[in-house]
Amino acid sequence: MQLLITGSSGYLGKSFIQSYHKAYQIQTYSLRHTPLENLSLEGIEVILHCAALVHQTQPRPIHEYHAINVAYPLALAQKAKEAGVKQFIFISTIAIYGEEYTYIDAQTRPNPATPYGTSKLEAEEALRALESDTFKVTIVRPPMIYGKDAPGNIHKLIQLIKKLPLLPFGGINNQRSFIYINNLTQLLHHLIQHQHRGSFLSADDRPISTSYLIRSLANALGRPCYLFAPPLIEGLIKRFKPVLHRRLYQDLIIDAQSTREQLGFQNPYSFEEAILKTTS
């Protein structure tokens, strides 16, 4: 089977290629290097669209999010449909649900609160409008992705644990869902092999607390790590770093069990196995 992958230099695209380069004939495409009108889709059966403009540390204009996250995948999907591509897999995000929910399942209504989340939801709706009997649209909504060499907050925690044996994150008993990279790539492989269409949540089997995550990382790294809970630290973080506070202290449970049951899929890696592979 011939696949075209966009965003192949990103963490997800690169990881999928590393895991499945022997299972598929894989081509990559970047809009920055090749105009869309010059792209040949001859022989391509599936497109895995990972490219996106994600959250930025510096504000970006809304029109940039629209251009990269909506107009680009829509134009690519239209070209794919005309060329006879059978399946278009779009990597979306749980950011389409916004920030008010602490529990998300297949029945939760999207309510994006950021330009990133808004653009991803708009793209989902536009892509679904292109669906036909011969052109399947598959949408995957992952939470934070972690794994070996992954960017993001878990990588920052690993670096912090390596430097400091004493951290002020004790007694945090929240519940947050993540997705291990190889659980996600295995899900994508499953969706391709069985040609599933629809919108699907992805997450590890169970949510974990911030304190448990840090202790698990420290144990896997073989580093001493003592957690304590200063009385003022949460209030200070909440006041001056509200986004960080949500990620460290608040619940965000992604219930993807119905997705797994619908697809007949099980995550191949437990959290404990994933953490060992992440820190190896």
C-alpha atoms as a PDB file:
ATOM      1  CA  MET A   1       0.000   0.000   0.000  1.00  0.00           C
ATOM      2  CA  GLN A   2       1.290   3.446  -0.932  1.00  0.00           C
ATOM      3  CA  LEU A   3       1.004   6.207   1.689  1.00  0.00           C
ATOM      4  CA  LEU A   4       1.669   9.929   1.515  1.00  0.00           C
ATOM      5  CA  ILE A   5       2.589  11.567   4.831  1.00  0.00           C
ATOM      6  CA  THR A   6       2.629  15.288   5.505  1.00  0.00           C
ATOM      7  CA  GLY A   7       4.445  16.666   8.525  1.00  0.00           C
ATOM      8  CA  SER A   8       7.034  13.903   8.239  1.00  0.00           C
ATOM      9  CA  SER A   9       9.640  15.973  10.093  1.00  0.00           C
ATOM     10  CA  GLY A  10       7.352  16.319  13.106  1.00  0.00           C
ATOM     11  CA  TYR A  11       7.340  13.894  16.002  1.00  0.00           C
ATOM     12  CA  LEU A  12       4.264  11.881  14.978  1.00  0.00           C
ATOM     13  CA  GLY A  13       5.061  11.702  11.273  1.00  0.00           C
ATOM     14  CA  LYS A  14       8.680  10.750  11.916  1.00  0.00           C
ATOM     15  CA  SER A  15       7.676   8.104  14.470  1.00  0.00           C
ATOM     16  CA  PHE A  16       5.126   6.531  12.133  1.00  0.00           C
ATOM     17  CA  ILE A  17       7.700   6.274   9.353  1.00  0.00           C
ATOM     18  CA  GLN A  18      10.257   4.695  11.707  1.00  0.00           C
ATOM     19  CA  SER A  19       7.730   2.092  12.839  1.00  0.00           C
ATOM     20  CA  TYR A  20       6.098   1.244   9.506  1.00  0.00           C
ATOM     21  CA  HIS A  21       8.538   2.028   6.696  1.00  0.00           C
ATOM     22  CA  LYS A  22       8.676  -1.711   5.900  1.00  0.00           C
ATOM     23  CA  ALA A  23       4.902  -2.165   5.977  1.00  0.00           C
ATOM     24  CA  TYR A  24       4.095   0.559   3.426  1.00  0.00           C
ATOM     25  CA  GLN A  25       5.572   2.355   0.465  1.00  0.00           C
ATOM     26  CA  ILE A  26       5.822   5.800   2.031  1.00  0.00           C
ATOM     27  CA  GLN A  27       6.196   9.139   0.285  1.00  0.00           C
ATOM     28  CA  THR A  28       6.429  12.448   2.122  1.00  0.00           C
ATOM     29  CA  TYR A  29       5.187  15.877   1.160  1.00  0.00           C
ATOM     30  CA  SER A  30       5.821  19.399   2.435  1.00  0.00           C
ATOM     31  CA  LEU A  31       3.916  22.411   1.147  1.00  0.00           C
ATOM     32  CA  ARG A  32       6.948  24.557   2.001  1.00  0.00           C
ATOM     33  CA  HIS A  33       9.056  22.720  -0.574  1.00  0.00           C
ATOM     34  CA  THR A  34       6.552  21.796  -3.305  1.00  0.00           C
ATOM     35  CA  PRO A  35       3.471  23.705  -4.494  1.00  0.00           C
ATOM     36  CA  LEU A  36       0.304  21.652  -4.199  1.00  0.00           C
ATOM     37  CA  GLU A  37      -0.363  21.889  -7.927  1.00  0.00           C
ATOM     38  CA  ASN A  38       2.957  20.115  -8.574  1.00  0.00           C
ATOM     39  CA  LEU A  39       2.177  17.210  -6.231  1.00  0.00           C
ATOM     40  CA  SER A  40       1.538  13.876  -7.943  1.00  0.00           C
ATOM     41  CA  LEU A  41      -0.776  11.475  -6.144  1.00  0.00           C
ATOM     42  CA  GLU A  42      -0.520   8.702  -8.704  1.00  0.00           C
ATOM     43  CA  GLY A  43      -0.721   5.337  -6.939  1.00  0.00           C
ATOM     44  CA  ILE A  44      -1.334   6.881  -3.500  1.00  0.00           C
ATOM     45  CA  GLU A  45      -4.077   5.048  -1.595  1.00  0.00           C
ATOM     46  CA  VAL A  46      -3.928   6.761   1.804  1.00  0.00           C
ATOM     47  CA  ILE A  47      -2.857  10.213   2.981  1.00  0.00           C
ATOM     48  CA  LEU A  48      -1.806  10.667   6.617  1.00  0.00           C
ATOM     49  CA  HIS A  49      -1.956  14.406   7.274  1.00  0.00           C
ATOM     50  CA  CYS A  50       0.154  15.264  10.344  1.00  0.00           C
ATOM     51  CA  ALA A  51       1.266  18.757   9.328  1.00  0.00           C
ATOM     52  CA  ALA A  52      -0.151  21.585  11.444  1.00  0.00           C
ATOM     53  CA  LEU A  53       0.484  24.930  13.066  1.00  0.00           C
ATOM     54  CA  VAL A  54       0.198  24.052  16.765  1.00  0.00           C
ATOM     55  CA  HIS A  55       0.187  26.182  19.923  1.00  0.00           C
ATOM     56  CA  GLN A  56       2.849  28.879  19.682  1.00  0.00           C
ATOM     57  CA  THR A  57       4.730  30.573  22.518  1.00  0.00           C
ATOM     58  CA  GLN A  58       4.340  33.833  20.617  1.00  0.00           C
ATOM     59  CA  PRO A  59       0.843  34.776  19.361  1.00  0.00           C
ATOM     60  CA  ARG A  60       0.250  34.119  15.664  1.00  0.00           C
ATOM     61  CA  PRO A  61      -2.456  35.756  13.532  1.00  0.00           C
ATOM     62  CA  ILE A  62      -5.667  33.763  13.201  1.00  0.00           C
ATOM     63  CA  HIS A  63      -5.331  33.778   9.422  1.00  0.00           C
ATOM     64  CA  GLU A  64      -2.084  31.779   9.716  1.00  0.00           C
ATOM     65  CA  TYR A  65      -3.861  29.051  11.681  1.00  0.00           C
ATOM     66  CA  HIS A  66      -6.606  29.032   9.053  1.00  0.00           C
ATOM     67  CA  ALA A  67      -4.165  28.872   6.137  1.00  0.00           C
ATOM     68  CA  ILE A  68      -2.127  25.974   7.539  1.00  0.00           C
ATOM     69  CA  ASN A  69      -4.713  24.031   9.538  1.00  0.00           C
ATOM     70  CA  VAL A  70      -7.814  24.501   7.364  1.00  0.00           C
ATOM     71  CA  ALA A  71      -7.113  25.684   3.822  1.00  0.00           C
ATOM     72  CA  TYR A  72      -4.074  23.440   3.291  1.00  0.00           C
ATOM     73  CA  PRO A  73      -5.601  20.086   4.357  1.00  0.00           C
ATOM     74  CA  LEU A  74      -8.858  20.909   2.585  1.00  0.00           C
ATOM     75  CA  ALA A  75      -7.079  21.660  -0.708  1.00  0.00           C
ATOM     76  CA  LEU A  76      -4.976  18.511  -0.308  1.00  0.00           C
ATOM     77  CA  ALA A  77      -8.059  16.404   0.414  1.00  0.00           C
ATOM     78  CA  GLN A  78      -9.911  17.805  -2.592  1.00  0.00           C
ATOM     79  CA  LYS A  79      -6.943  16.948  -4.814  1.00  0.00           C
ATOM     80  CA  ALA A  80      -6.762  13.503  -3.220  1.00  0.00           C
ATOM     81  CA  LYS A  81     -10.427  12.804  -3.846  1.00  0.00           C
ATOM     82  CA  GLU A  82     -10.097  13.798  -7.497  1.00  0.00           C
ATOM     83  CA  ALA A  83      -7.015  11.578  -7.837  1.00  0.00           C
ATOM     84  CA  GLY A  84      -8.784   8.503  -6.460  1.00  0.00           C
ATOM     85  CA  VAL A  85      -7.107   8.355  -3.036  1.00  0.00           C
ATOM     86  CA  LYS A  86      -9.209   6.056  -0.855  1.00  0.00           C
ATOM     87  CA  GLN A  87      -8.617   7.413   2.661  1.00  0.00           C
ATOM     88  CA  PHE A  88      -7.602  10.738   4.190  1.00  0.00           C
ATOM     89  CA  ILE A  89      -6.483  10.575   7.828  1.00  0.00           C
ATOM     90  CA  PHE A  90      -6.469  13.923   9.604  1.00  0.00           C
ATOM     91  CA  ILE A  91      -4.630  14.358  12.898  1.00  0.00           C
ATOM     92  CA  SER A  92      -6.782  16.722  14.920  1.00  0.00           C
ATOM     93  CA  THR A  93      -6.545  17.470  18.645  1.00  0.00           C
ATOM     94  CA  ILE A  94      -8.512  17.454  21.890  1.00  0.00           C
ATOM     95  CA  ALA A  95      -8.088  21.251  21.792  1.00  0.00           C
ATOM     96  CA  ILE A  96     -11.323  21.264  19.761  1.00  0.00           C
ATOM     97  CA  TYR A  97     -13.131  20.653  23.087  1.00  0.00           C
ATOM     98  CA  GLY A  98     -11.803  23.813  24.692  1.00  0.00           C
ATOM     99  CA  GLU A  99     -10.868  24.225  28.333  1.00  0.00           C
ATOM    100  CA  GLU A 100     -14.108  23.835  30.288  1.00  0.00           C
ATOM    101  CA  TYR A 101     -14.284  20.029  30.273  1.00  0.00           C
ATOM    102  CA  THR A 102     -12.539  17.732  32.728  1.00  0.00           C
ATOM    103  CA  TYR A 103     -14.011  14.592  31.141  1.00  0.00           C
ATOM    104  CA  ILE A 104     -14.258  13.970  27.407  1.00  0.00           C
ATOM    105  CA  ASP A 105     -15.808  11.028  25.611  1.00  0.00           C
ATOM    106  CA  ALA A 106     -17.325  10.356  22.196  1.00  0.00           C
ATOM    107  CA  GLN A 107     -20.482  12.305  23.103  1.00  0.00           C
ATOM    108  CA  THR A 108     -18.731  15.490  24.276  1.00  0.00           C
ATOM    109  CA  ARG A 109     -19.537  18.514  22.122  1.00  0.00           C
ATOM    110  CA  PRO A 110     -16.585  20.534  20.790  1.00  0.00           C
ATOM    111  CA  ASN A 111     -16.178  24.046  22.153  1.00  0.00           C
ATOM    112  CA  PRO A 112     -12.722  25.331  21.137  1.00  0.00           C
ATOM    113  CA  ALA A 113     -11.187  28.228  23.056  1.00  0.00           C
ATOM    114  CA  THR A 114      -8.022  28.913  21.025  1.00  0.00           C
ATOM    115  CA  PRO A 115      -7.231  29.720  17.385  1.00  0.00           C
ATOM    116  CA  TYR A 116      -5.496  26.334  17.171  1.00  0.00           C
ATOM    117  CA  GLY A 117      -8.521  24.388  18.423  1.00  0.00           C
ATOM    118  CA  THR A 118     -10.924  26.479  16.343  1.00  0.00           C
ATOM    119  CA  SER A 119      -8.943  25.897  13.157  1.00  0.00           C
ATOM    120  CA  LYS A 120      -8.735  22.150  13.754  1.00  0.00           C
ATOM    121  CA  LEU A 121     -12.496  21.875  14.288  1.00  0.00           C
ATOM    122  CA  GLU A 122     -13.183  23.943  11.173  1.00  0.00           C
ATOM    123  CA  ALA A 123     -10.909  21.612   9.203  1.00  0.00           C
ATOM    124  CA  GLU A 124     -12.712  18.546  10.550  1.00  0.00           C
ATOM    125  CA  GLU A 125     -16.074  19.888   9.417  1.00  0.00           C
ATOM    126  CA  ALA A 126     -14.794  20.854   5.968  1.00  0.00           C
ATOM    127  CA  LEU A 127     -13.141  17.477   5.443  1.00  0.00           C
ATOM    128  CA  ARG A 128     -16.223  15.524   6.482  1.00  0.00           C
ATOM    129  CA  ALA A 129     -18.185  17.416   3.824  1.00  0.00           C
ATOM    130  CA  LEU A 130     -15.908  15.848   1.182  1.00  0.00           C
ATOM    131  CA  GLU A 131     -16.672  12.272   2.213  1.00  0.00           C
ATOM    132  CA  SER A 132     -18.175   9.848  -0.281  1.00  0.00           C
ATOM    133  CA  ASP A 133     -18.512   6.100  -0.750  1.00  0.00           C
ATOM    134  CA  THR A 134     -15.078   6.043  -2.375  1.00  0.00           C
ATOM    135  CA  PHE A 135     -13.324   8.694  -0.267  1.00  0.00           C
ATOM    136  CA  LYS A 136     -13.089   7.983   3.447  1.00  0.00           C
ATOM    137  CA  VAL A 137     -12.246  10.683   5.978  1.00  0.00           C
ATOM    138  CA  THR A 138     -10.735   9.522   9.261  1.00  0.00           C
ATOM    139  CA  ILE A 139     -10.173  11.981  12.125  1.00  0.00           C
ATOM    140  CA  VAL A 140      -8.018  11.243  15.182  1.00  0.00           C
ATOM    141  CA  ARG A 141      -8.081  13.464  18.271  1.00  0.00           C
ATOM    142  CA  PRO A 142      -5.113  12.790  20.570  1.00  0.00           C
ATOM    143  CA  PRO A 143      -4.208  14.461  23.876  1.00  0.00           C
ATOM    144  CA  MET A 144      -0.575  15.261  24.723  1.00  0.00           C
ATOM    145  CA  ILE A 145       1.749  12.790  23.010  1.00  0.00           C
ATOM    146  CA  TYR A 146       4.766  11.461  24.892  1.00  0.00           C
ATOM    147  CA  GLY A 147       7.570   9.055  24.122  1.00  0.00           C
ATOM    148  CA  LYS A 148      11.312   8.929  23.669  1.00  0.00           C
ATOM    149  CA  ASP A 149      12.623  12.300  22.454  1.00  0.00           C
ATOM    150  CA  ALA A 150       9.113  13.787  22.324  1.00  0.00           C
ATOM    151  CA  PRO A 151       8.880  17.568  22.619  1.00  0.00           C
ATOM    152  CA  GLY A 152       6.600  19.132  25.210  1.00  0.00           C
ATOM    153  CA  ASN A 153       6.038  19.183  28.939  1.00  0.00           C
ATOM    154  CA  ILE A 154       6.972  15.586  29.718  1.00  0.00           C
ATOM    155  CA  HIS A 155      10.369  16.131  28.129  1.00  0.00           C
ATOM    156  CA  LYS A 156      10.742  19.232  30.326  1.00  0.00           C
ATOM    157  CA  LEU A 157       9.848  17.172  33.398  1.00  0.00           C
ATOM    158  CA  ILE A 158      12.517  14.608  32.499  1.00  0.00           C
ATOM    159  CA  GLN A 159      15.139  17.328  32.259  1.00  0.00           C
ATOM    160  CA  LEU A 160      13.973  18.765  35.594  1.00  0.00           C
ATOM    161  CA  ILE A 161      14.137  15.373  37.310  1.00  0.00           C
ATOM    162  CA  LYS A 162      17.688  14.871  36.041  1.00  0.00           C
ATOM    163  CA  LYS A 163      18.763  18.181  37.576  1.00  0.00           C
ATOM    164  CA  LEU A 164      16.798  18.389  40.829  1.00  0.00           C
ATOM    165  CA  PRO A 165      16.086  15.618  43.350  1.00  0.00           C
ATOM    166  CA  LEU A 166      13.559  17.805  45.204  1.00  0.00           C
ATOM    167  CA  LEU A 167      10.482  19.078  43.339  1.00  0.00           C
ATOM    168  CA  PRO A 168       7.444  21.056  44.589  1.00  0.00           C
ATOM    169  CA  PHE A 169       4.794  18.836  42.969  1.00  0.00           C
ATOM    170  CA  GLY A 170       3.770  16.550  45.796  1.00  0.00           C
ATOM    171  CA  GLY A 171       0.173  15.717  46.677  1.00  0.00           C
ATOM    172  CA  ILE A 172      -1.273  16.472  43.229  1.00  0.00           C
ATOM    173  CA  ASN A 173      -4.051  13.907  42.886  1.00  0.00           C
ATOM    174  CA  ASN A 174      -5.531  15.012  39.601  1.00  0.00           C
ATOM    175  CA  GLN A 175      -6.275  12.676  36.687  1.00  0.00           C
ATOM    176  CA  ARG A 176      -4.958  13.477  33.189  1.00  0.00           C
ATOM    177  CA  SER A 177      -4.879  11.452  30.009  1.00  0.00           C
ATOM    178  CA  PHE A 178      -1.922  11.173  27.666  1.00  0.00           C
ATOM    179  CA  ILE A 179      -1.094   9.028  24.647  1.00  0.00           C
ATOM    180  CA  TYR A 180       2.155   7.121  24.214  1.00  0.00           C
ATOM    181  CA  ILE A 181       3.546   7.627  20.717  1.00  0.00           C
ATOM    182  CA  ASN A 182       3.634   3.923  19.834  1.00  0.00           C
ATOM    183  CA  ASN A 183       0.055   3.464  20.999  1.00  0.00           C
ATOM    184  CA  LEU A 184      -0.928   6.259  18.633  1.00  0.00           C
ATOM    185  CA  THR A 185       1.075   5.015  15.653  1.00  0.00           C
ATOM    186  CA  GLN A 186      -0.360   1.521  16.186  1.00  0.00           C
ATOM    187  CA  LEU A 187      -3.858   3.021  16.153  1.00  0.00           C
ATOM    188  CA  LEU A 188      -3.107   4.801  12.868  1.00  0.00           C
ATOM    189  CA  HIS A 189      -1.794   1.560  11.380  1.00  0.00           C
ATOM    190  CA  HIS A 190      -5.010  -0.163  12.486  1.00  0.00           C
ATOM    191  CA  LEU A 191      -7.169   2.563  10.924  1.00  0.00           C
ATOM    192  CA  ILE A 192      -5.299   2.204   7.630  1.00  0.00           C
ATOM    193  CA  GLN A 193      -5.368  -1.577   7.569  1.00  0.00           C
ATOM    194  CA  HIS A 194      -9.121  -1.714   8.223  1.00  0.00           C
ATOM    195  CA  GLN A 195     -10.011   1.444   6.270  1.00  0.00           C
ATOM    196  CA  HIS A 196     -12.097   2.881   9.103  1.00  0.00           C
ATOM    197  CA  ARG A 197     -13.869   6.186   8.656  1.00  0.00           C
ATOM    198  CA  GLY A 198     -15.185   8.530  11.349  1.00  0.00           C
ATOM    199  CA  SER A 199     -13.889  10.574  14.283  1.00  0.00           C
ATOM    200  CA  PHE A 200     -11.932   8.839  17.031  1.00  0.00           C
ATOM    201  CA  LEU A 201     -10.426   9.767  20.390  1.00  0.00           C
ATOM    202  CA  SER A 202      -7.068   8.318  21.347  1.00  0.00           C
ATOM    203  CA  ALA A 203      -5.559   7.982  24.817  1.00  0.00           C
ATOM    204  CA  ASP A 204      -3.680   5.542  26.994  1.00  0.00           C
ATOM    205  CA  ASP A 205      -5.830   3.088  28.917  1.00  0.00           C
ATOM    206  CA  ARG A 206      -5.918   5.070  32.147  1.00  0.00           C
ATOM    207  CA  PRO A 207      -5.330   8.656  33.295  1.00  0.00           C
ATOM    208  CA  ILE A 208      -2.627   9.430  35.867  1.00  0.00           C
ATOM    209  CA  SER A 209      -1.849  12.194  38.336  1.00  0.00           C
ATOM    210  CA  THR A 210       0.965  14.689  37.955  1.00  0.00           C
ATOM    211  CA  SER A 211       2.671  13.409  41.120  1.00  0.00           C
ATOM    212  CA  TYR A 212       2.444   9.798  39.921  1.00  0.00           C
ATOM    213  CA  LEU A 213       3.826  10.778  36.521  1.00  0.00           C
ATOM    214  CA  ILE A 214       6.860  12.473  38.078  1.00  0.00           C
ATOM    215  CA  ARG A 215       7.541   9.572  40.440  1.00  0.00           C
ATOM    216  CA  SER A 216       7.233   7.098  37.555  1.00  0.00           C
ATOM    217  CA  LEU A 217       9.654   9.078  35.406  1.00  0.00           C
ATOM    218  CA  ALA A 218      12.150   9.340  38.261  1.00  0.00           C
ATOM    219  CA  ASN A 219      11.946   5.593  38.966  1.00  0.00           C
ATOM    220  CA  ALA A 220      12.447   4.756  35.292  1.00  0.00           C
ATOM    221  CA  LEU A 221      15.438   7.119  35.133  1.00  0.00           C
ATOM    222  CA  GLY A 222      16.875   5.666  38.335  1.00  0.00           C
ATOM    223  CA  ARG A 223      16.993   9.125  39.881  1.00  0.00           C
ATOM    224  CA  PRO A 224      16.124  10.088  43.465  1.00  0.00           C
ATOM    225  CA  CYS A 225      13.088  12.322  43.510  1.00  0.00           C
ATOM    226  CA  TYR A 226      11.389  13.754  46.581  1.00  0.00           C
ATOM    227  CA  LEU A 227       8.108  15.564  46.098  1.00  0.00           C
ATOM    228  CA  PHE A 228       6.772  18.140  48.513  1.00  0.00           C
ATOM    229  CA  ALA A 229       3.811  20.498  48.467  1.00  0.00           C
ATOM    230  CA  PRO A 230       4.619  24.112  49.442  1.00  0.00           C
ATOM    231  CA  PRO A 231       1.444  25.819  50.654  1.00  0.00           C
ATOM    232  CA  LEU A 232       1.681  28.772  48.248  1.00  0.00           C
ATOM    233  CA  ILE A 233       3.060  27.174  45.076  1.00  0.00           C
ATOM    234  CA  GLU A 234      -0.268  26.171  43.493  1.00  0.00           C
ATOM    235  CA  GLY A 235      -1.782  29.614  44.094  1.00  0.00           C
ATOM    236  CA  LEU A 236       1.220  31.353  42.574  1.00  0.00           C
ATOM    237  CA  ILE A 237       1.215  29.123  39.492  1.00  0.00           C
ATOM    238  CA  LYS A 238      -2.543  29.579  39.084  1.00  0.00           C
ATOM    239  CA  ARG A 239      -2.196  33.361  39.243  1.00  0.00           C
ATOM    240  CA  PHE A 240       0.848  33.852  37.023  1.00  0.00           C
ATOM    241  CA  LYS A 241       0.787  30.726  34.801  1.00  0.00           C
ATOM    242  CA  PRO A 242      -2.859  29.682  34.417  1.00  0.00           C
ATOM    243  CA  VAL A 243      -2.216  27.386  31.433  1.00  0.00           C
ATOM    244  CA  LEU A 244       0.554  25.585  33.310  1.00  0.00           C
ATOM    245  CA  HIS A 245      -1.715  25.339  36.345  1.00  0.00           C
ATOM    246  CA  ARG A 246      -4.408  23.548  34.312  1.00  0.00           C
ATOM    247  CA  ARG A 247      -1.895  21.038  33.014  1.00  0.00           C
ATOM    248  CA  LEU A 248      -0.287  20.361  36.400  1.00  0.00           C
ATOM    249  CA  TYR A 249      -3.267  20.426  38.763  1.00  0.00           C
ATOM    250  CA  GLN A 250      -6.576  19.972  36.935  1.00  0.00           C
ATOM    251  CA  ASP A 251      -8.290  16.848  35.618  1.00  0.00           C
ATOM    252  CA  LEU A 252      -8.528  16.062  31.906  1.00  0.00           C
ATOM    253  CA  ILE A 253      -9.796  12.536  31.378  1.00  0.00           C
ATOM    254  CA  ILE A 254     -10.100  11.269  27.806  1.00  0.00           C
ATOM    255  CA  ASP A 255     -12.371   8.222  27.714  1.00  0.00           C
ATOM    256  CA  ALA A 256     -11.370   6.466  24.490  1.00  0.00           C
ATOM    257  CA  GLN A 257     -12.759   3.070  25.487  1.00  0.00           C
ATOM    258  CA  SER A 258     -15.708   3.361  23.107  1.00  0.00           C
ATOM    259  CA  THR A 259     -13.278   4.089  20.262  1.00  0.00           C
ATOM    260  CA  ARG A 260     -11.239   0.997  21.073  1.00  0.00           C
ATOM    261  CA  GLU A 261     -14.353  -1.165  21.306  1.00  0.00           C
ATOM    262  CA  GLN A 262     -15.762   0.216  18.062  1.00  0.00           C
ATOM    263  CA  LEU A 263     -12.502  -0.443  16.225  1.00  0.00           C
ATOM    264  CA  GLY A 264     -11.624  -3.736  17.903  1.00  0.00           C
ATOM    265  CA  PHE A 265      -8.329  -2.187  18.960  1.00  0.00           C
ATOM    266  CA  GLN A 266      -6.272  -2.348  22.135  1.00  0.00           C
ATOM    267  CA  ASN A 267      -3.314  -0.174  23.069  1.00  0.00           C
ATOM    268  CA  PRO A 268      -0.225  -2.387  22.867  1.00  0.00           C
ATOM    269  CA  TYR A 269       1.643  -0.581  25.675  1.00  0.00           C
ATOM    270  CA  SER A 270       0.684   0.046  29.283  1.00  0.00           C
ATOM    271  CA  PHE A 271       1.690   3.297  30.964  1.00  0.00           C
ATOM    272  CA  GLU A 272       4.477   1.545  32.864  1.00  0.00           C
ATOM    273  CA  GLU A 273       5.908   0.007  29.689  1.00  0.00           C
ATOM    274  CA  ALA A 274       5.625   3.324  27.868  1.00  0.00           C
ATOM    275  CA  ILE A 275       7.467   5.245  30.585  1.00  0.00           C
ATOM    276  CA  LEU A 276      10.348   2.754  30.511  1.00  0.00           C
ATOM    277  CA  LYS A 277      10.648   3.155  26.738  1.00  0.00           C
ATOM    278  CA  THR A 278      10.335   6.944  27.014  1.00  0.00           C
ATOM    279  CA  THR A 279      13.262   7.202  29.423  1.00  0.00           C
ATOM    280  CA  SER A 280      15.510   4.490  27.932  1.00  0.00           C
END
